[in-house]
Amino acid sequence: MFKRIILACALATVSSFATWDLFPVLENHKGQAGLGATYHTYEYNDVDYRYLDLYAGARYTVIQDLELALSIPYWLLTYVDGERYFGNEFGNLNFLTRYQFIPVMNAFVDVSIPVRDIDDGAWGFNLGLQFSRRVNQLINFGSQLGTSYAIWRDYDGVPIDVYGSACLRFAVTPQFTPYYGTSFNFSLGEFTDGGYEYSHGGGDLYLAPYVGAIYDFNDFVSVDAWGKISRYVNEDNATLFITTGLSVLFNF
């Protein structure tokens, strides 16, 4: 259980910018850069874990309907029961691709590459589809469904997951856009030397409702603040993860 929690937290950290959003790609030759921070806290076996990571990234539509992005997080501080455990390390380098093949649907492929330890770090791979549409003048709906797997040398198998998310954005004013959504991750099991094994994490359901808001100062600068609470819902006394984030976005 503890190894799975560490793996989940590591992948969550290195994928801070993975799947930039759930809505249509940017207009042709338009881009966006972002700088942000996330703070995570959880308790396991009466031990308190807290860590802070920073991240930076940029996305750009290189040709009509094809958006490319690059991001990297930086593990700044981590404390275990008040004592520093690790920090001052880069997370995985994330390459993100989205292609909008019809106005309401995107296909995406993400690759997460370890930079501090390419032999022993976790490699992550995501691919799937996104669907979005404007419900009315006030509400915009975005969603995605995909599959992911990770390769980690210190982990005995290759975890295979199905994940998804749905989000509602509310255009309260032209500058202020609150949103609410829920993400899930369902473990299918893993591949090991002996082949596919359902029993190794298979059936675990991880839910993460979140809420946030975007404020546009002008056409070029925005702030996005959010928070989420997540846990494995099919386990007794499951660990509760609390995450908050703040980012500044620059349009160009």
C-alpha atoms as a PDB file:
ATOM      1  CA  MET A   1       0.000   0.000   0.000  1.00  0.00           C
ATOM      2  CA  PHE A   2       2.710   2.477   0.972  1.00  0.00           C
ATOM      3  CA  LYS A   3       4.684   1.858  -2.229  1.00  0.00           C
ATOM      4  CA  ARG A   4       1.542   2.521  -4.266  1.00  0.00           C
ATOM      5  CA  ILE A   5       0.947   5.803  -2.409  1.00  0.00           C
ATOM      6  CA  ILE A   6       4.518   6.917  -3.082  1.00  0.00           C
ATOM      7  CA  LEU A   7       4.162   6.002  -6.759  1.00  0.00           C
ATOM      8  CA  ALA A   8       0.846   7.838  -7.043  1.00  0.00           C
ATOM      9  CA  CYS A   9       2.271  10.958  -5.396  1.00  0.00           C
ATOM     10  CA  ALA A  10       5.385  10.868  -7.565  1.00  0.00           C
ATOM     11  CA  LEU A  11       3.367  10.574 -10.769  1.00  0.00           C
ATOM     12  CA  ALA A  12       0.955  13.287  -9.614  1.00  0.00           C
ATOM     13  CA  THR A  13       3.895  15.583  -8.959  1.00  0.00           C
ATOM     14  CA  VAL A  14       5.739  14.935 -12.217  1.00  0.00           C
ATOM     15  CA  SER A  15       2.482  15.345 -14.132  1.00  0.00           C
ATOM     16  CA  SER A  16       1.442  18.678 -12.632  1.00  0.00           C
ATOM     17  CA  PHE A  17       0.825  20.165 -16.070  1.00  0.00           C
ATOM     18  CA  ALA A  18      -0.216  16.969 -17.901  1.00  0.00           C
ATOM     19  CA  THR A  19      -3.441  17.511 -19.852  1.00  0.00           C
ATOM     20  CA  TRP A  20      -3.306  21.311 -19.779  1.00  0.00           C
ATOM     21  CA  ASP A  21      -7.088  21.640 -19.909  1.00  0.00           C
ATOM     22  CA  LEU A  22     -10.204  19.824 -21.109  1.00  0.00           C
ATOM     23  CA  PHE A  23     -11.314  22.345 -23.712  1.00  0.00           C
ATOM     24  CA  PRO A  24     -10.541  23.052 -27.399  1.00  0.00           C
ATOM     25  CA  VAL A  25      -6.958  23.683 -28.430  1.00  0.00           C
ATOM     26  CA  LEU A  26      -5.736  27.242 -28.769  1.00  0.00           C
ATOM     27  CA  GLU A  27      -6.212  29.147 -32.015  1.00  0.00           C
ATOM     28  CA  ASN A  28      -3.570  28.718 -34.705  1.00  0.00           C
ATOM     29  CA  HIS A  29      -0.229  30.336 -33.744  1.00  0.00           C
ATOM     30  CA  LYS A  30      -1.507  31.235 -30.276  1.00  0.00           C
ATOM     31  CA  GLY A  31       0.298  30.192 -27.114  1.00  0.00           C
ATOM     32  CA  GLN A  32       0.185  30.227 -23.341  1.00  0.00           C
ATOM     33  CA  ALA A  33       2.878  29.972 -20.679  1.00  0.00           C
ATOM     34  CA  GLY A  34       2.332  29.155 -17.037  1.00  0.00           C
ATOM     35  CA  LEU A  35       4.160  29.334 -13.701  1.00  0.00           C
ATOM     36  CA  GLY A  36       2.646  27.770 -10.622  1.00  0.00           C
ATOM     37  CA  ALA A  37       2.923  25.961  -7.322  1.00  0.00           C
ATOM     38  CA  THR A  38       1.079  23.051  -5.720  1.00  0.00           C
ATOM     39  CA  TYR A  39       0.978  22.098  -2.049  1.00  0.00           C
ATOM     40  CA  HIS A  40       0.167  18.513  -1.050  1.00  0.00           C
ATOM     41  CA  THR A  41      -0.590  17.035   2.344  1.00  0.00           C
ATOM     42  CA  TYR A  42      -1.665  13.586   3.527  1.00  0.00           C
ATOM     43  CA  GLU A  43      -1.302  11.283   6.531  1.00  0.00           C
ATOM     44  CA  TYR A  44      -0.337   7.616   6.430  1.00  0.00           C
ATOM     45  CA  ASN A  45       0.084   5.358   9.496  1.00  0.00           C
ATOM     46  CA  ASP A  46      -0.088   8.430  11.746  1.00  0.00           C
ATOM     47  CA  VAL A  47       2.795  10.033   9.858  1.00  0.00           C
ATOM     48  CA  ASP A  48       2.235  13.481   8.379  1.00  0.00           C
ATOM     49  CA  TYR A  49       3.546  14.119   4.842  1.00  0.00           C
ATOM     50  CA  ARG A  50       3.677  17.563   3.233  1.00  0.00           C
ATOM     51  CA  TYR A  51       5.405  18.758   0.098  1.00  0.00           C
ATOM     52  CA  LEU A  52       5.521  21.753  -2.181  1.00  0.00           C
ATOM     53  CA  ASP A  53       6.398  21.698  -5.859  1.00  0.00           C
ATOM     54  CA  LEU A  54       6.740  24.397  -8.497  1.00  0.00           C
ATOM     55  CA  TYR A  55       6.149  23.994 -12.201  1.00  0.00           C
ATOM     56  CA  ALA A  56       6.595  25.860 -15.452  1.00  0.00           C
ATOM     57  CA  GLY A  57       5.291  25.127 -18.911  1.00  0.00           C
ATOM     58  CA  ALA A  58       4.199  26.478 -22.259  1.00  0.00           C
ATOM     59  CA  ARG A  59       1.847  25.373 -25.015  1.00  0.00           C
ATOM     60  CA  TYR A  60       1.532  26.556 -28.607  1.00  0.00           C
ATOM     61  CA  THR A  61      -0.643  25.686 -31.592  1.00  0.00           C
ATOM     62  CA  VAL A  62       1.950  25.087 -34.286  1.00  0.00           C
ATOM     63  CA  ILE A  63      -0.555  24.485 -37.088  1.00  0.00           C
ATOM     64  CA  GLN A  64      -4.335  24.612 -37.209  1.00  0.00           C
ATOM     65  CA  ASP A  65      -5.796  22.259 -34.537  1.00  0.00           C
ATOM     66  CA  LEU A  66      -2.413  20.846 -33.380  1.00  0.00           C
ATOM     67  CA  GLU A  67      -1.244  21.991 -29.957  1.00  0.00           C
ATOM     68  CA  LEU A  68       2.132  21.062 -28.486  1.00  0.00           C
ATOM     69  CA  ALA A  69       3.183  21.659 -24.887  1.00  0.00           C
ATOM     70  CA  LEU A  70       6.174  21.194 -22.637  1.00  0.00           C
ATOM     71  CA  SER A  71       6.286  21.391 -18.854  1.00  0.00           C
ATOM     72  CA  ILE A  72       8.514  20.475 -15.947  1.00  0.00           C
ATOM     73  CA  PRO A  73       7.919  20.526 -12.173  1.00  0.00           C
ATOM     74  CA  TYR A  74      10.469  21.165  -9.444  1.00  0.00           C
ATOM     75  CA  TRP A  75      10.182  19.434  -6.065  1.00  0.00           C
ATOM     76  CA  LEU A  76      10.995  22.272  -3.695  1.00  0.00           C
ATOM     77  CA  LEU A  77      10.258  21.073  -0.162  1.00  0.00           C
ATOM     78  CA  THR A  78       9.084  17.828   1.442  1.00  0.00           C
ATOM     79  CA  TYR A  79       8.596  17.187   5.147  1.00  0.00           C
ATOM     80  CA  VAL A  80       7.770  13.983   7.018  1.00  0.00           C
ATOM     81  CA  ASP A  81       6.439  14.719  10.515  1.00  0.00           C
ATOM     82  CA  GLY A  82       8.140  18.084  10.347  1.00  0.00           C
ATOM     83  CA  GLU A  83      11.513  16.747   9.219  1.00  0.00           C
ATOM     84  CA  ARG A  84      12.874  17.375   5.753  1.00  0.00           C
ATOM     85  CA  TYR A  85      12.865  14.161   3.693  1.00  0.00           C
ATOM     86  CA  PHE A  86      13.816  15.238   0.162  1.00  0.00           C
ATOM     87  CA  GLY A  87      13.592  18.284  -2.058  1.00  0.00           C
ATOM     88  CA  ASN A  88      15.397  20.514  -4.523  1.00  0.00           C
ATOM     89  CA  GLU A  89      14.896  18.062  -7.384  1.00  0.00           C
ATOM     90  CA  PHE A  90      13.350  18.297 -10.825  1.00  0.00           C
ATOM     91  CA  GLY A  91      10.392  16.089 -11.632  1.00  0.00           C
ATOM     92  CA  ASN A  92       9.683  14.531 -15.005  1.00  0.00           C
ATOM     93  CA  LEU A  93       9.833  16.477 -18.253  1.00  0.00           C
ATOM     94  CA  ASN A  94       6.361  16.319 -19.823  1.00  0.00           C
ATOM     95  CA  PHE A  95       5.697  16.418 -23.569  1.00  0.00           C
ATOM     96  CA  LEU A  96       2.019  16.976 -24.394  1.00  0.00           C
ATOM     97  CA  THR A  97       0.238  16.780 -27.743  1.00  0.00           C
ATOM     98  CA  ARG A  98      -3.408  17.524 -28.522  1.00  0.00           C
ATOM     99  CA  TYR A  99      -5.094  17.370 -31.914  1.00  0.00           C
ATOM    100  CA  GLN A 100      -8.623  18.730 -32.425  1.00  0.00           C
ATOM    101  CA  PHE A 101     -10.017  16.526 -35.181  1.00  0.00           C
ATOM    102  CA  ILE A 102     -13.594  17.846 -34.909  1.00  0.00           C
ATOM    103  CA  PRO A 103     -14.775  21.036 -33.156  1.00  0.00           C
ATOM    104  CA  VAL A 104     -15.900  19.205 -30.000  1.00  0.00           C
ATOM    105  CA  MET A 105     -13.230  16.492 -29.701  1.00  0.00           C
ATOM    106  CA  ASN A 106      -9.466  16.304 -29.165  1.00  0.00           C
ATOM    107  CA  ALA A 107      -7.090  13.359 -29.154  1.00  0.00           C
ATOM    108  CA  PHE A 108      -4.086  13.593 -26.837  1.00  0.00           C
ATOM    109  CA  VAL A 109      -0.810  11.809 -26.156  1.00  0.00           C
ATOM    110  CA  ASP A 110       1.437  12.701 -23.202  1.00  0.00           C
ATOM    111  CA  VAL A 111       4.910  11.370 -22.398  1.00  0.00           C
ATOM    112  CA  SER A 112       6.603  11.966 -19.046  1.00  0.00           C
ATOM    113  CA  ILE A 113      10.381  11.458 -19.000  1.00  0.00           C
ATOM    114  CA  PRO A 114      12.555  11.394 -15.846  1.00  0.00           C
ATOM    115  CA  VAL A 115      15.355  13.932 -15.997  1.00  0.00           C
ATOM    116  CA  ARG A 116      17.119  13.516 -12.647  1.00  0.00           C
ATOM    117  CA  ASP A 117      17.478   9.731 -12.941  1.00  0.00           C
ATOM    118  CA  ILE A 118      16.657   8.409 -16.381  1.00  0.00           C
ATOM    119  CA  ASP A 119      17.429   4.787 -15.398  1.00  0.00           C
ATOM    120  CA  ASP A 120      15.478   4.545 -12.133  1.00  0.00           C
ATOM    121  CA  GLY A 121      12.861   7.294 -12.521  1.00  0.00           C
ATOM    122  CA  ALA A 122       9.221   6.768 -13.450  1.00  0.00           C
ATOM    123  CA  TRP A 123       8.299   7.033 -17.141  1.00  0.00           C
ATOM    124  CA  GLY A 124       4.633   7.929 -17.713  1.00  0.00           C
ATOM    125  CA  PHE A 125       2.452   7.564 -20.825  1.00  0.00           C
ATOM    126  CA  ASN A 126      -1.101   8.905 -21.301  1.00  0.00           C
ATOM    127  CA  LEU A 127      -3.384   8.776 -24.313  1.00  0.00           C
ATOM    128  CA  GLY A 128      -7.069   9.384 -24.822  1.00  0.00           C
ATOM    129  CA  LEU A 129      -9.879  11.613 -26.051  1.00  0.00           C
ATOM    130  CA  GLN A 130     -11.450  14.862 -24.881  1.00  0.00           C
ATOM    131  CA  PHE A 131     -14.980  16.088 -25.466  1.00  0.00           C
ATOM    132  CA  SER A 132     -16.150  19.641 -24.795  1.00  0.00           C
ATOM    133  CA  ARG A 133     -19.026  21.881 -25.733  1.00  0.00           C
ATOM    134  CA  ARG A 134     -20.682  25.083 -24.608  1.00  0.00           C
ATOM    135  CA  VAL A 135     -23.964  24.258 -22.865  1.00  0.00           C
ATOM    136  CA  ASN A 136     -25.217  27.842 -22.903  1.00  0.00           C
ATOM    137  CA  GLN A 137     -23.864  31.375 -22.496  1.00  0.00           C
ATOM    138  CA  LEU A 138     -22.993  30.682 -18.858  1.00  0.00           C
ATOM    139  CA  ILE A 139     -21.760  27.068 -18.776  1.00  0.00           C
ATOM    140  CA  ASN A 140     -18.929  25.388 -20.656  1.00  0.00           C
ATOM    141  CA  PHE A 141     -18.451  21.617 -20.293  1.00  0.00           C
ATOM    142  CA  GLY A 142     -15.155  19.761 -20.751  1.00  0.00           C
ATOM    143  CA  SER A 143     -14.252  16.104 -20.257  1.00  0.00           C
ATOM    144  CA  GLN A 144     -11.698  13.459 -21.075  1.00  0.00           C
ATOM    145  CA  LEU A 145     -11.202   9.708 -20.945  1.00  0.00           C
ATOM    146  CA  GLY A 146      -7.843   8.040 -21.298  1.00  0.00           C
ATOM    147  CA  THR A 147      -5.503   5.280 -20.291  1.00  0.00           C
ATOM    148  CA  SER A 148      -2.114   5.553 -18.658  1.00  0.00           C
ATOM    149  CA  TYR A 149       0.746   3.362 -17.679  1.00  0.00           C
ATOM    150  CA  ALA A 150       4.012   3.928 -15.852  1.00  0.00           C
ATOM    151  CA  ILE A 151       7.377   2.227 -15.898  1.00  0.00           C
ATOM    152  CA  TRP A 152       9.430   2.490 -12.739  1.00  0.00           C
ATOM    153  CA  ARG A 153      12.524   0.394 -12.203  1.00  0.00           C
ATOM    154  CA  ASP A 154      12.025   0.114  -8.425  1.00  0.00           C
ATOM    155  CA  TYR A 155       8.402  -0.967  -8.918  1.00  0.00           C
ATOM    156  CA  ASP A 156       7.755  -4.645  -9.649  1.00  0.00           C
ATOM    157  CA  GLY A 157       5.251  -4.124 -12.447  1.00  0.00           C
ATOM    158  CA  VAL A 158       3.874  -1.717 -15.037  1.00  0.00           C
ATOM    159  CA  PRO A 159       0.612  -0.235 -13.635  1.00  0.00           C
ATOM    160  CA  ILE A 160      -2.188   0.132 -16.194  1.00  0.00           C
ATOM    161  CA  ASP A 161      -4.955   2.627 -15.373  1.00  0.00           C
ATOM    162  CA  VAL A 162      -8.074   4.126 -16.933  1.00  0.00           C
ATOM    163  CA  TYR A 163      -8.743   7.715 -15.922  1.00  0.00           C
ATOM    164  CA  GLY A 164     -11.140  10.502 -16.719  1.00  0.00           C
ATOM    165  CA  SER A 165     -12.356  13.925 -15.728  1.00  0.00           C
ATOM    166  CA  ALA A 166     -15.338  16.210 -16.218  1.00  0.00           C
ATOM    167  CA  CYS A 167     -15.454  19.933 -15.562  1.00  0.00           C
ATOM    168  CA  LEU A 168     -18.018  22.735 -15.662  1.00  0.00           C
ATOM    169  CA  ARG A 169     -16.835  26.296 -16.184  1.00  0.00           C
ATOM    170  CA  PHE A 170     -19.171  29.153 -15.301  1.00  0.00           C
ATOM    171  CA  ALA A 171     -18.728  32.471 -17.118  1.00  0.00           C
ATOM    172  CA  VAL A 172     -19.910  34.627 -14.210  1.00  0.00           C
ATOM    173  CA  THR A 173     -18.285  37.746 -15.675  1.00  0.00           C
ATOM    174  CA  PRO A 174     -15.972  38.261 -18.673  1.00  0.00           C
ATOM    175  CA  GLN A 175     -13.013  38.238 -16.235  1.00  0.00           C
ATOM    176  CA  PHE A 176     -14.097  35.737 -13.555  1.00  0.00           C
ATOM    177  CA  THR A 177     -14.651  32.029 -14.347  1.00  0.00           C
ATOM    178  CA  PRO A 178     -15.171  29.615 -11.435  1.00  0.00           C
ATOM    179  CA  TYR A 179     -15.216  25.914 -12.190  1.00  0.00           C
ATOM    180  CA  TYR A 180     -16.012  22.581 -10.582  1.00  0.00           C
ATOM    181  CA  GLY A 181     -14.990  19.108 -11.651  1.00  0.00           C
ATOM    182  CA  THR A 182     -14.232  15.535 -10.672  1.00  0.00           C
ATOM    183  CA  SER A 183     -11.435  13.233 -11.769  1.00  0.00           C
ATOM    184  CA  PHE A 184     -11.171   9.493 -11.355  1.00  0.00           C
ATOM    185  CA  ASN A 185      -8.482   6.871 -11.775  1.00  0.00           C
ATOM    186  CA  PHE A 186      -9.302   3.157 -11.957  1.00  0.00           C
ATOM    187  CA  SER A 187      -6.506   0.620 -11.714  1.00  0.00           C
ATOM    188  CA  LEU A 188      -6.766  -2.298 -14.152  1.00  0.00           C
ATOM    189  CA  GLY A 189      -3.796  -4.117 -12.661  1.00  0.00           C
ATOM    190  CA  GLU A 190      -0.261  -4.367 -13.949  1.00  0.00           C
ATOM    191  CA  PHE A 191       2.065  -6.218 -16.237  1.00  0.00           C
ATOM    192  CA  THR A 192       4.897  -8.151 -14.583  1.00  0.00           C
ATOM    193  CA  ASP A 193       7.454 -10.707 -15.731  1.00  0.00           C
ATOM    194  CA  GLY A 194       4.715 -13.303 -15.373  1.00  0.00           C
ATOM    195  CA  GLY A 195       2.274 -11.376 -17.579  1.00  0.00           C
ATOM    196  CA  TYR A 196      -0.812  -9.342 -16.701  1.00  0.00           C
ATOM    197  CA  GLU A 197      -1.927  -9.541 -13.035  1.00  0.00           C
ATOM    198  CA  TYR A 198      -5.222  -8.078 -11.904  1.00  0.00           C
ATOM    199  CA  SER A 199      -4.577  -8.620  -8.191  1.00  0.00           C
ATOM    200  CA  HIS A 200      -1.678  -6.128  -8.019  1.00  0.00           C
ATOM    201  CA  GLY A 201      -3.671  -2.946  -7.502  1.00  0.00           C
ATOM    202  CA  GLY A 202      -6.473  -4.008  -9.838  1.00  0.00           C
ATOM    203  CA  GLY A 203      -9.860  -2.591  -8.917  1.00  0.00           C
ATOM    204  CA  ASP A 204      -8.641   0.422  -6.949  1.00  0.00           C
ATOM    205  CA  LEU A 205     -10.812   3.477  -7.604  1.00  0.00           C
ATOM    206  CA  TYR A 206      -9.325   6.903  -6.904  1.00  0.00           C
ATOM    207  CA  LEU A 207     -11.661   9.941  -6.902  1.00  0.00           C
ATOM    208  CA  ALA A 208     -10.632  13.588  -6.818  1.00  0.00           C
ATOM    209  CA  PRO A 209     -13.307  16.308  -6.817  1.00  0.00           C
ATOM    210  CA  TYR A 210     -11.890  19.790  -7.312  1.00  0.00           C
ATOM    211  CA  VAL A 211     -12.994  23.407  -7.376  1.00  0.00           C
ATOM    212  CA  GLY A 212     -11.251  26.541  -8.595  1.00  0.00           C
ATOM    213  CA  ALA A 213     -11.493  29.849 -10.391  1.00  0.00           C
ATOM    214  CA  ILE A 214      -9.722  31.724 -13.170  1.00  0.00           C
ATOM    215  CA  TYR A 215      -9.444  35.492 -13.123  1.00  0.00           C
ATOM    216  CA  ASP A 216      -8.356  37.350 -16.267  1.00  0.00           C
ATOM    217  CA  PHE A 217      -6.623  40.629 -15.464  1.00  0.00           C
ATOM    218  CA  ASN A 218      -6.481  41.406 -19.181  1.00  0.00           C
ATOM    219  CA  ASP A 219      -6.026  39.559 -22.478  1.00  0.00           C
ATOM    220  CA  PHE A 220      -2.485  38.575 -21.541  1.00  0.00           C
ATOM    221  CA  VAL A 221      -2.392  37.654 -17.822  1.00  0.00           C
ATOM    222  CA  SER A 222      -4.633  35.335 -15.779  1.00  0.00           C
ATOM    223  CA  VAL A 223      -4.522  33.658 -12.367  1.00  0.00           C
ATOM    224  CA  ASP A 224      -5.859  30.163 -11.682  1.00  0.00           C
ATOM    225  CA  ALA A 225      -6.427  29.011  -8.072  1.00  0.00           C
ATOM    226  CA  TRP A 226      -7.814  25.570  -7.186  1.00  0.00           C
ATOM    227  CA  GLY A 227      -8.064  22.860  -4.561  1.00  0.00           C
ATOM    228  CA  LYS A 228      -8.972  19.180  -4.495  1.00  0.00           C
ATOM    229  CA  ILE A 229      -9.548  16.332  -2.039  1.00  0.00           C
ATOM    230  CA  SER A 230      -8.862  12.789  -3.208  1.00  0.00           C
ATOM    231  CA  ARG A 231      -8.764   9.227  -1.888  1.00  0.00           C
ATOM    232  CA  TYR A 232      -9.145   5.572  -2.799  1.00  0.00           C
ATOM    233  CA  VAL A 233     -12.876   5.115  -2.274  1.00  0.00           C
ATOM    234  CA  ASN A 234     -12.962   1.314  -2.091  1.00  0.00           C
ATOM    235  CA  GLU A 235     -10.523   0.968   0.820  1.00  0.00           C
ATOM    236  CA  ASP A 236     -11.315   1.202   4.526  1.00  0.00           C
ATOM    237  CA  ASN A 237      -9.468   4.039   6.275  1.00  0.00           C
ATOM    238  CA  ALA A 238      -8.004   5.146   2.941  1.00  0.00           C
ATOM    239  CA  THR A 239      -5.447   7.944   2.929  1.00  0.00           C
ATOM    240  CA  LEU A 240      -6.950  11.366   2.232  1.00  0.00           C
ATOM    241  CA  PHE A 241      -4.900  13.590  -0.085  1.00  0.00           C
ATOM    242  CA  ILE A 242      -5.418  17.368  -0.002  1.00  0.00           C
ATOM    243  CA  THR A 243      -3.892  19.487  -2.764  1.00  0.00           C
ATOM    244  CA  THR A 244      -4.074  23.214  -3.484  1.00  0.00           C
ATOM    245  CA  GLY A 245      -2.574  25.081  -6.409  1.00  0.00           C
ATOM    246  CA  LEU A 246      -1.972  28.561  -7.760  1.00  0.00           C
ATOM    247  CA  SER A 247      -0.680  29.462 -11.212  1.00  0.00           C
ATOM    248  CA  VAL A 248      -0.124  32.565 -13.305  1.00  0.00           C
ATOM    249  CA  LEU A 249      -0.872  32.217 -17.038  1.00  0.00           C
ATOM    250  CA  PHE A 250       0.532  34.400 -19.812  1.00  0.00           C
ATOM    251  CA  ASN A 251      -1.120  34.438 -23.246  1.00  0.00           C
ATOM    252  CA  PHE A 252       0.881  35.226 -26.351  1.00  0.00           C
END
